[in-house]
Amino acid sequence: MASHGPALLLCMAILRRFIKEGAVHKSERLFQLVNLLRGRRMAITAEQLAVVLEVTTRTIYRDIQTLQLSGIPIDGEAGIGYLLAPGFQLPPLMFDFEELQALLLGSSIVQAWTDPELARAAAKAESKIRAILPDALLQKADNQPYQVPKFDKHNSERTKHGILRKACDGMLKITINYQDVEQTATQRTLWPLGLIFWGERWTLLAWCELRGDFRNFRLDRIVHIKVLESQFDSNPERSLKYFIDNCLH
């Protein structure tokens, strides 16, 4: 079987160029296009590809030409259909095995321990990585020693993750009803700054308006969350980075 090494390098170079120029959607579409052509025994038409990728037929023709000019071995022509040369593989995004292990482990943790929306995004990203892995590397990655089980009992806490993550991203103030270790109930108005995993528990790091200082609140002790419409101002000394750099000893 002939080596496709030069074609792989050319393909990655052209995709990196698209990403550098800001054409992220095009680079993703080119990857998807190659993946759709992989492993097919029958040609697929530009019209069929356009439906799957939700673009025009003309766009598919341009993308096919771009890939062919970059050295990707695509056979066929307009009106008949296209096939990818047997045995062609995209490289695993230039990751070595340990880098791949780290990415898949990180994806598993996100899927198991964060909110459902972010978990779906992690699963989608992982599927894109898996789609371009050679079979041997994929099998090796699936047999890695680290495993992260998913437990339904964390569903209520994962819902809190989603609410708090979006409040952090939007810099929206929140009020919470909270029970401390002695079961004392309090209500706080907070500036949510970040979610921190301490090995056994997740906490919300926030600036507490009542205390005028940083406070950590265990997610499993937050009884109720209300996201307010008012935003808090960005302040370098009241940030997650400042807390990590200056308040952890």
C-alpha atoms as a PDB file:
ATOM      1  CA  MET A   1       0.000   0.000   0.000  1.00  0.00           C
ATOM      2  CA  ALA A   2       1.406   3.391  -0.951  1.00  0.00           C
ATOM      3  CA  SER A   3       2.242   5.797   1.840  1.00  0.00           C
ATOM      4  CA  HIS A   4      -0.008   8.809   2.257  1.00  0.00           C
ATOM      5  CA  GLY A   5       2.486  10.599   4.559  1.00  0.00           C
ATOM      6  CA  PRO A   6       2.985  13.684   2.337  1.00  0.00           C
ATOM      7  CA  ALA A   7      -0.770  13.962   1.844  1.00  0.00           C
ATOM      8  CA  LEU A   8      -1.333  13.837   5.598  1.00  0.00           C
ATOM      9  CA  LEU A   9       1.155  16.623   6.179  1.00  0.00           C
ATOM     10  CA  LEU A  10      -0.379  18.730   3.438  1.00  0.00           C
ATOM     11  CA  CYS A  11      -3.871  18.121   4.808  1.00  0.00           C
ATOM     12  CA  MET A  12      -2.869  19.149   8.319  1.00  0.00           C
ATOM     13  CA  ALA A  13      -1.051  22.205   6.985  1.00  0.00           C
ATOM     14  CA  ILE A  14      -4.069  23.429   5.077  1.00  0.00           C
ATOM     15  CA  LEU A  15      -6.400  22.786   8.021  1.00  0.00           C
ATOM     16  CA  ARG A  16      -4.058  24.674  10.341  1.00  0.00           C
ATOM     17  CA  ARG A  17      -4.091  27.562   7.860  1.00  0.00           C
ATOM     18  CA  PHE A  18      -7.879  27.693   7.905  1.00  0.00           C
ATOM     19  CA  ILE A  19      -7.895  27.661  11.713  1.00  0.00           C
ATOM     20  CA  LYS A  20      -5.245  30.393  11.887  1.00  0.00           C
ATOM     21  CA  GLU A  21      -7.269  32.555   9.514  1.00  0.00           C
ATOM     22  CA  GLY A  22     -10.370  32.108  11.660  1.00  0.00           C
ATOM     23  CA  ALA A  23     -12.220  29.758   9.301  1.00  0.00           C
ATOM     24  CA  VAL A  24     -12.962  27.276  12.063  1.00  0.00           C
ATOM     25  CA  HIS A  25     -16.228  26.097  10.539  1.00  0.00           C
ATOM     26  CA  LYS A  26     -14.511  25.278   7.252  1.00  0.00           C
ATOM     27  CA  SER A  27     -11.729  23.315   8.948  1.00  0.00           C
ATOM     28  CA  GLU A  28     -14.320  21.304  10.892  1.00  0.00           C
ATOM     29  CA  ARG A  29     -16.286  20.676   7.714  1.00  0.00           C
ATOM     30  CA  LEU A  30     -13.184  19.412   5.898  1.00  0.00           C
ATOM     31  CA  PHE A  31     -12.511  16.946   8.708  1.00  0.00           C
ATOM     32  CA  GLN A  32     -16.156  15.835   8.623  1.00  0.00           C
ATOM     33  CA  LEU A  33     -16.021  15.473   4.851  1.00  0.00           C
ATOM     34  CA  VAL A  34     -12.977  13.186   5.007  1.00  0.00           C
ATOM     35  CA  ASN A  35     -14.616  11.157   7.781  1.00  0.00           C
ATOM     36  CA  LEU A  36     -17.799  10.730   5.721  1.00  0.00           C
ATOM     37  CA  LEU A  37     -15.737   9.389   2.822  1.00  0.00           C
ATOM     38  CA  ARG A  38     -13.674   7.011   4.945  1.00  0.00           C
ATOM     39  CA  GLY A  39     -14.568   3.333   4.856  1.00  0.00           C
ATOM     40  CA  ARG A  40     -17.211   3.650   2.134  1.00  0.00           C
ATOM     41  CA  ARG A  41     -17.352   1.005  -0.598  1.00  0.00           C
ATOM     42  CA  MET A  42     -19.799   2.925  -2.774  1.00  0.00           C
ATOM     43  CA  ALA A  43     -19.353   6.452  -4.035  1.00  0.00           C
ATOM     44  CA  ILE A  44     -21.351   9.203  -2.360  1.00  0.00           C
ATOM     45  CA  THR A  45     -22.573  12.161  -4.391  1.00  0.00           C
ATOM     46  CA  ALA A  46     -21.981  15.818  -3.680  1.00  0.00           C
ATOM     47  CA  GLU A  47     -25.719  16.250  -3.235  1.00  0.00           C
ATOM     48  CA  GLN A  48     -25.785  13.604  -0.483  1.00  0.00           C
ATOM     49  CA  LEU A  49     -22.766  15.139   1.235  1.00  0.00           C
ATOM     50  CA  ALA A  50     -24.364  18.581   1.055  1.00  0.00           C
ATOM     51  CA  VAL A  51     -27.471  17.309   2.856  1.00  0.00           C
ATOM     52  CA  VAL A  52     -25.437  15.711   5.659  1.00  0.00           C
ATOM     53  CA  LEU A  53     -23.171  18.740   6.152  1.00  0.00           C
ATOM     54  CA  GLU A  54     -26.003  21.247   5.638  1.00  0.00           C
ATOM     55  CA  VAL A  55     -24.207  23.243   2.953  1.00  0.00           C
ATOM     56  CA  THR A  56     -24.711  23.813  -0.762  1.00  0.00           C
ATOM     57  CA  THR A  57     -23.556  21.389  -3.438  1.00  0.00           C
ATOM     58  CA  ARG A  58     -21.263  24.092  -4.769  1.00  0.00           C
ATOM     59  CA  THR A  59     -19.561  24.260  -1.348  1.00  0.00           C
ATOM     60  CA  ILE A  60     -18.984  20.490  -1.446  1.00  0.00           C
ATOM     61  CA  TYR A  61     -17.384  20.786  -4.879  1.00  0.00           C
ATOM     62  CA  ARG A  62     -15.045  23.484  -3.578  1.00  0.00           C
ATOM     63  CA  ASP A  63     -14.180  21.456  -0.465  1.00  0.00           C
ATOM     64  CA  ILE A  64     -13.467  18.325  -2.506  1.00  0.00           C
ATOM     65  CA  GLN A  65     -11.173  20.341  -4.750  1.00  0.00           C
ATOM     66  CA  THR A  66      -9.407  21.846  -1.726  1.00  0.00           C
ATOM     67  CA  LEU A  67      -8.775  18.389  -0.272  1.00  0.00           C
ATOM     68  CA  GLN A  68      -7.632  16.953  -3.590  1.00  0.00           C
ATOM     69  CA  LEU A  69      -5.200  19.836  -4.125  1.00  0.00           C
ATOM     70  CA  SER A  70      -3.818  19.251  -0.629  1.00  0.00           C
ATOM     71  CA  GLY A  71      -3.009  15.661  -1.586  1.00  0.00           C
ATOM     72  CA  ILE A  72      -5.952  13.775  -0.090  1.00  0.00           C
ATOM     73  CA  PRO A  73      -6.579  10.764  -2.396  1.00  0.00           C
ATOM     74  CA  ILE A  74     -10.236  11.369  -3.333  1.00  0.00           C
ATOM     75  CA  ASP A  75     -11.434   9.766  -6.563  1.00  0.00           C
ATOM     76  CA  GLY A  76     -14.566  10.668  -8.511  1.00  0.00           C
ATOM     77  CA  GLU A  77     -16.231  13.563 -10.228  1.00  0.00           C
ATOM     78  CA  ALA A  78     -19.338  15.731 -10.147  1.00  0.00           C
ATOM     79  CA  GLY A  79     -22.531  13.857 -10.980  1.00  0.00           C
ATOM     80  CA  ILE A  80     -21.049  10.437 -10.229  1.00  0.00           C
ATOM     81  CA  GLY A  81     -19.787  10.606  -6.659  1.00  0.00           C
ATOM     82  CA  TYR A  82     -16.620  10.434  -4.616  1.00  0.00           C
ATOM     83  CA  LEU A  83     -14.556   7.781  -2.863  1.00  0.00           C
ATOM     84  CA  LEU A  84     -11.543   7.999  -0.575  1.00  0.00           C
ATOM     85  CA  ALA A  85      -8.615   5.724  -1.364  1.00  0.00           C
ATOM     86  CA  PRO A  86      -8.688   2.585   0.861  1.00  0.00           C
ATOM     87  CA  GLY A  87      -6.411   2.685   3.882  1.00  0.00           C
ATOM     88  CA  PHE A  88      -6.218   6.456   4.116  1.00  0.00           C
ATOM     89  CA  GLN A  89      -6.170   7.747   7.713  1.00  0.00           C
ATOM     90  CA  LEU A  90      -6.060  11.246   9.083  1.00  0.00           C
ATOM     91  CA  PRO A  91      -3.414  11.552  11.797  1.00  0.00           C
ATOM     92  CA  PRO A  92      -4.617  11.714  15.422  1.00  0.00           C
ATOM     93  CA  LEU A  93      -4.216  15.513  15.491  1.00  0.00           C
ATOM     94  CA  MET A  94      -0.488  14.938  16.038  1.00  0.00           C
ATOM     95  CA  PHE A  95      -1.074  13.608  19.577  1.00  0.00           C
ATOM     96  CA  ASP A  96       1.222  11.022  21.077  1.00  0.00           C
ATOM     97  CA  PHE A  97      -0.335   8.191  23.115  1.00  0.00           C
ATOM     98  CA  GLU A  98       0.035   9.850  26.519  1.00  0.00           C
ATOM     99  CA  GLU A  99      -1.467  13.085  25.192  1.00  0.00           C
ATOM    100  CA  LEU A 100      -4.358  11.054  23.830  1.00  0.00           C
ATOM    101  CA  GLN A 101      -4.785   9.309  27.194  1.00  0.00           C
ATOM    102  CA  ALA A 102      -4.924  12.676  28.934  1.00  0.00           C
ATOM    103  CA  LEU A 103      -7.543  14.037  26.525  1.00  0.00           C
ATOM    104  CA  LEU A 104      -9.793  10.976  26.778  1.00  0.00           C
ATOM    105  CA  LEU A 105      -9.479  10.913  30.570  1.00  0.00           C
ATOM    106  CA  GLY A 106     -10.362  14.598  30.733  1.00  0.00           C
ATOM    107  CA  SER A 107     -13.369  14.013  28.503  1.00  0.00           C
ATOM    108  CA  SER A 108     -14.526  11.138  30.737  1.00  0.00           C
ATOM    109  CA  ILE A 109     -14.267  13.308  33.846  1.00  0.00           C
ATOM    110  CA  VAL A 110     -16.248  16.111  32.226  1.00  0.00           C
ATOM    111  CA  GLN A 111     -18.925  13.665  31.085  1.00  0.00           C
ATOM    112  CA  ALA A 112     -19.187  12.075  34.536  1.00  0.00           C
ATOM    113  CA  TRP A 113     -18.892  15.051  36.846  1.00  0.00           C
ATOM    114  CA  THR A 114     -20.061  18.262  35.170  1.00  0.00           C
ATOM    115  CA  ASP A 115     -23.411  19.484  33.903  1.00  0.00           C
ATOM    116  CA  PRO A 116     -25.256  17.581  31.152  1.00  0.00           C
ATOM    117  CA  GLU A 117     -24.759  20.272  28.501  1.00  0.00           C
ATOM    118  CA  LEU A 118     -21.004  20.413  28.994  1.00  0.00           C
ATOM    119  CA  ALA A 119     -20.926  16.601  29.176  1.00  0.00           C
ATOM    120  CA  ARG A 120     -22.582  16.402  25.744  1.00  0.00           C
ATOM    121  CA  ALA A 121     -20.029  18.857  24.361  1.00  0.00           C
ATOM    122  CA  ALA A 122     -17.203  16.703  25.749  1.00  0.00           C
ATOM    123  CA  ALA A 123     -18.726  13.576  24.205  1.00  0.00           C
ATOM    124  CA  LYS A 124     -19.042  15.343  20.852  1.00  0.00           C
ATOM    125  CA  ALA A 125     -15.421  16.506  20.984  1.00  0.00           C
ATOM    126  CA  GLU A 126     -14.277  13.007  21.926  1.00  0.00           C
ATOM    127  CA  SER A 127     -16.194  11.487  19.020  1.00  0.00           C
ATOM    128  CA  LYS A 128     -14.365  13.825  16.628  1.00  0.00           C
ATOM    129  CA  ILE A 129     -11.025  12.687  18.025  1.00  0.00           C
ATOM    130  CA  ARG A 130     -12.020   9.024  17.873  1.00  0.00           C
ATOM    131  CA  ALA A 131     -13.271   9.351  14.307  1.00  0.00           C
ATOM    132  CA  ILE A 132      -9.780  10.034  12.992  1.00  0.00           C
ATOM    133  CA  LEU A 133      -7.819   7.585  15.114  1.00  0.00           C
ATOM    134  CA  PRO A 134      -6.235   4.528  13.494  1.00  0.00           C
ATOM    135  CA  ASP A 135      -7.879   1.335  14.759  1.00  0.00           C
ATOM    136  CA  ALA A 136      -4.776   0.147  16.594  1.00  0.00           C
ATOM    137  CA  LEU A 137      -4.381   3.416  18.509  1.00  0.00           C
ATOM    138  CA  LEU A 138      -8.098   3.540  19.277  1.00  0.00           C
ATOM    139  CA  GLN A 139      -8.015   0.021  20.733  1.00  0.00           C
ATOM    140  CA  LYS A 140      -4.967   0.915  22.827  1.00  0.00           C
ATOM    141  CA  ALA A 141      -6.669   4.078  24.097  1.00  0.00           C
ATOM    142  CA  ASP A 142      -9.809   2.150  25.076  1.00  0.00           C
ATOM    143  CA  ASN A 143      -7.695  -0.181  27.219  1.00  0.00           C
ATOM    144  CA  GLN A 144      -6.060   2.567  29.265  1.00  0.00           C
ATOM    145  CA  PRO A 145      -6.081   1.931  33.049  1.00  0.00           C
ATOM    146  CA  TYR A 146      -7.950   5.096  34.042  1.00  0.00           C
ATOM    147  CA  GLN A 147     -11.736   4.759  34.087  1.00  0.00           C
ATOM    148  CA  VAL A 148     -14.337   7.246  35.325  1.00  0.00           C
ATOM    149  CA  PRO A 149     -17.713   5.621  36.155  1.00  0.00           C
ATOM    150  CA  LYS A 150     -20.905   7.639  35.810  1.00  0.00           C
ATOM    151  CA  PHE A 151     -23.379   7.597  38.697  1.00  0.00           C
ATOM    152  CA  ASP A 152     -26.999   8.721  38.477  1.00  0.00           C
ATOM    153  CA  LYS A 153     -26.961   9.855  42.108  1.00  0.00           C
ATOM    154  CA  HIS A 154     -25.067  12.973  41.065  1.00  0.00           C
ATOM    155  CA  ASN A 155     -27.817  14.180  38.709  1.00  0.00           C
ATOM    156  CA  SER A 156     -29.164  16.888  41.032  1.00  0.00           C
ATOM    157  CA  GLU A 157     -25.675  18.204  41.681  1.00  0.00           C
ATOM    158  CA  ARG A 158     -24.889  18.166  37.970  1.00  0.00           C
ATOM    159  CA  THR A 159     -27.917  20.377  37.343  1.00  0.00           C
ATOM    160  CA  LYS A 160     -26.428  22.886  39.787  1.00  0.00           C
ATOM    161  CA  HIS A 161     -23.190  22.721  37.811  1.00  0.00           C
ATOM    162  CA  GLY A 162     -24.951  23.929  34.675  1.00  0.00           C
ATOM    163  CA  ILE A 163     -26.694  26.831  36.404  1.00  0.00           C
ATOM    164  CA  LEU A 164     -23.529  27.960  38.176  1.00  0.00           C
ATOM    165  CA  ARG A 165     -21.265  27.549  35.146  1.00  0.00           C
ATOM    166  CA  LYS A 166     -23.492  29.812  33.063  1.00  0.00           C
ATOM    167  CA  ALA A 167     -23.724  32.351  35.875  1.00  0.00           C
ATOM    168  CA  CYS A 168     -19.909  32.394  36.078  1.00  0.00           C
ATOM    169  CA  ASP A 169     -19.587  32.797  32.319  1.00  0.00           C
ATOM    170  CA  GLY A 170     -22.165  35.586  32.228  1.00  0.00           C
ATOM    171  CA  MET A 171     -20.829  37.298  35.378  1.00  0.00           C
ATOM    172  CA  LEU A 172     -24.346  37.220  36.818  1.00  0.00           C
ATOM    173  CA  LYS A 173     -24.997  37.625  40.516  1.00  0.00           C
ATOM    174  CA  ILE A 174     -26.866  34.830  42.274  1.00  0.00           C
ATOM    175  CA  THR A 175     -28.624  34.247  45.553  1.00  0.00           C
ATOM    176  CA  ILE A 176     -28.410  30.868  47.245  1.00  0.00           C
ATOM    177  CA  ASN A 177     -30.027  29.152  50.170  1.00  0.00           C
ATOM    178  CA  TYR A 178     -27.259  27.272  51.949  1.00  0.00           C
ATOM    179  CA  GLN A 179     -26.945  24.856  54.850  1.00  0.00           C
ATOM    180  CA  ASP A 180     -23.611  24.636  56.622  1.00  0.00           C
ATOM    181  CA  VAL A 181     -22.172  21.603  58.396  1.00  0.00           C
ATOM    182  CA  GLU A 182     -24.288  22.366  61.479  1.00  0.00           C
ATOM    183  CA  GLN A 183     -27.462  22.530  59.324  1.00  0.00           C
ATOM    184  CA  THR A 184     -27.718  26.285  59.845  1.00  0.00           C
ATOM    185  CA  ALA A 185     -29.612  27.847  56.928  1.00  0.00           C
ATOM    186  CA  THR A 186     -28.443  31.138  55.417  1.00  0.00           C
ATOM    187  CA  GLN A 187     -29.140  33.126  52.281  1.00  0.00           C
ATOM    188  CA  ARG A 188     -26.276  34.792  50.445  1.00  0.00           C
ATOM    189  CA  THR A 189     -25.900  37.092  47.466  1.00  0.00           C
ATOM    190  CA  LEU A 190     -22.783  36.034  45.570  1.00  0.00           C
ATOM    191  CA  TRP A 191     -20.548  36.824  42.658  1.00  0.00           C
ATOM    192  CA  PRO A 192     -19.930  33.320  41.248  1.00  0.00           C
ATOM    193  CA  LEU A 193     -16.319  33.063  40.123  1.00  0.00           C
ATOM    194  CA  GLY A 194     -15.658  29.379  39.472  1.00  0.00           C
ATOM    195  CA  LEU A 195     -16.239  25.751  40.333  1.00  0.00           C
ATOM    196  CA  ILE A 196     -13.408  23.936  42.103  1.00  0.00           C
ATOM    197  CA  PHE A 197     -13.004  20.182  42.552  1.00  0.00           C
ATOM    198  CA  TRP A 198     -11.133  19.302  45.743  1.00  0.00           C
ATOM    199  CA  GLY A 199     -10.771  15.570  45.119  1.00  0.00           C
ATOM    200  CA  GLU A 200     -13.995  14.549  46.863  1.00  0.00           C
ATOM    201  CA  ARG A 201     -16.260  17.584  46.694  1.00  0.00           C
ATOM    202  CA  TRP A 202     -17.099  20.383  44.294  1.00  0.00           C
ATOM    203  CA  THR A 203     -17.384  23.885  45.662  1.00  0.00           C
ATOM    204  CA  LEU A 204     -18.517  27.174  44.236  1.00  0.00           C
ATOM    205  CA  LEU A 205     -15.915  29.864  44.735  1.00  0.00           C
ATOM    206  CA  ALA A 206     -17.652  33.206  45.048  1.00  0.00           C
ATOM    207  CA  TRP A 207     -17.260  36.720  46.340  1.00  0.00           C
ATOM    208  CA  CYS A 208     -19.756  36.974  49.189  1.00  0.00           C
ATOM    209  CA  GLU A 209     -21.451  40.363  49.514  1.00  0.00           C
ATOM    210  CA  LEU A 210     -22.386  39.626  53.132  1.00  0.00           C
ATOM    211  CA  ARG A 211     -18.816  38.824  54.225  1.00  0.00           C
ATOM    212  CA  GLY A 212     -17.005  41.071  51.749  1.00  0.00           C
ATOM    213  CA  ASP A 213     -14.560  38.276  50.997  1.00  0.00           C
ATOM    214  CA  PHE A 214     -14.009  35.028  49.094  1.00  0.00           C
ATOM    215  CA  ARG A 215     -16.071  32.078  50.240  1.00  0.00           C
ATOM    216  CA  ASN A 216     -16.355  28.460  49.086  1.00  0.00           C
ATOM    217  CA  PHE A 217     -19.784  26.804  49.126  1.00  0.00           C
ATOM    218  CA  ARG A 218     -20.171  23.041  48.788  1.00  0.00           C
ATOM    219  CA  LEU A 219     -22.539  22.222  45.956  1.00  0.00           C
ATOM    220  CA  ASP A 220     -24.212  19.428  47.900  1.00  0.00           C
ATOM    221  CA  ARG A 221     -25.181  21.947  50.609  1.00  0.00           C
ATOM    222  CA  ILE A 222     -26.694  24.502  48.241  1.00  0.00           C
ATOM    223  CA  VAL A 223     -30.446  24.050  48.610  1.00  0.00           C
ATOM    224  CA  HIS A 224     -31.626  26.594  46.044  1.00  0.00           C
ATOM    225  CA  ILE A 225     -30.052  28.864  43.414  1.00  0.00           C
ATOM    226  CA  LYS A 226     -31.573  31.966  41.856  1.00  0.00           C
ATOM    227  CA  VAL A 227     -29.723  33.697  39.030  1.00  0.00           C
ATOM    228  CA  LEU A 228     -30.223  37.466  39.112  1.00  0.00           C
ATOM    229  CA  GLU A 229     -30.352  39.790  36.133  1.00  0.00           C
ATOM    230  CA  SER A 230     -27.677  42.112  37.550  1.00  0.00           C
ATOM    231  CA  GLN A 231     -24.051  41.550  36.606  1.00  0.00           C
ATOM    232  CA  PHE A 232     -21.005  42.045  38.793  1.00  0.00           C
ATOM    233  CA  ASP A 233     -18.001  44.023  37.621  1.00  0.00           C
ATOM    234  CA  SER A 234     -14.758  42.394  36.593  1.00  0.00           C
ATOM    235  CA  ASN A 235     -12.172  42.929  39.324  1.00  0.00           C
ATOM    236  CA  PRO A 236      -8.691  41.325  39.171  1.00  0.00           C
ATOM    237  CA  GLU A 237      -8.571  41.113  42.982  1.00  0.00           C
ATOM    238  CA  ARG A 238     -11.961  39.402  43.156  1.00  0.00           C
ATOM    239  CA  SER A 239     -11.303  36.745  40.538  1.00  0.00           C
ATOM    240  CA  LEU A 240     -10.786  33.004  40.406  1.00  0.00           C
ATOM    241  CA  LYS A 241      -7.197  33.534  39.272  1.00  0.00           C
ATOM    242  CA  TYR A 242      -6.463  35.852  42.188  1.00  0.00           C
ATOM    243  CA  PHE A 243      -7.889  33.330  44.644  1.00  0.00           C
ATOM    244  CA  ILE A 244      -5.847  30.464  43.184  1.00  0.00           C
ATOM    245  CA  ASP A 245      -2.642  32.509  43.059  1.00  0.00           C
ATOM    246  CA  ASN A 246      -2.896  34.261  46.426  1.00  0.00           C
ATOM    247  CA  CYS A 247      -5.321  32.518  48.768  1.00  0.00           C
ATOM    248  CA  LEU A 248      -4.381  28.853  48.504  1.00  0.00           C
ATOM    249  CA  HIS A 249      -1.470  27.799  50.691  1.00  0.00           C
END
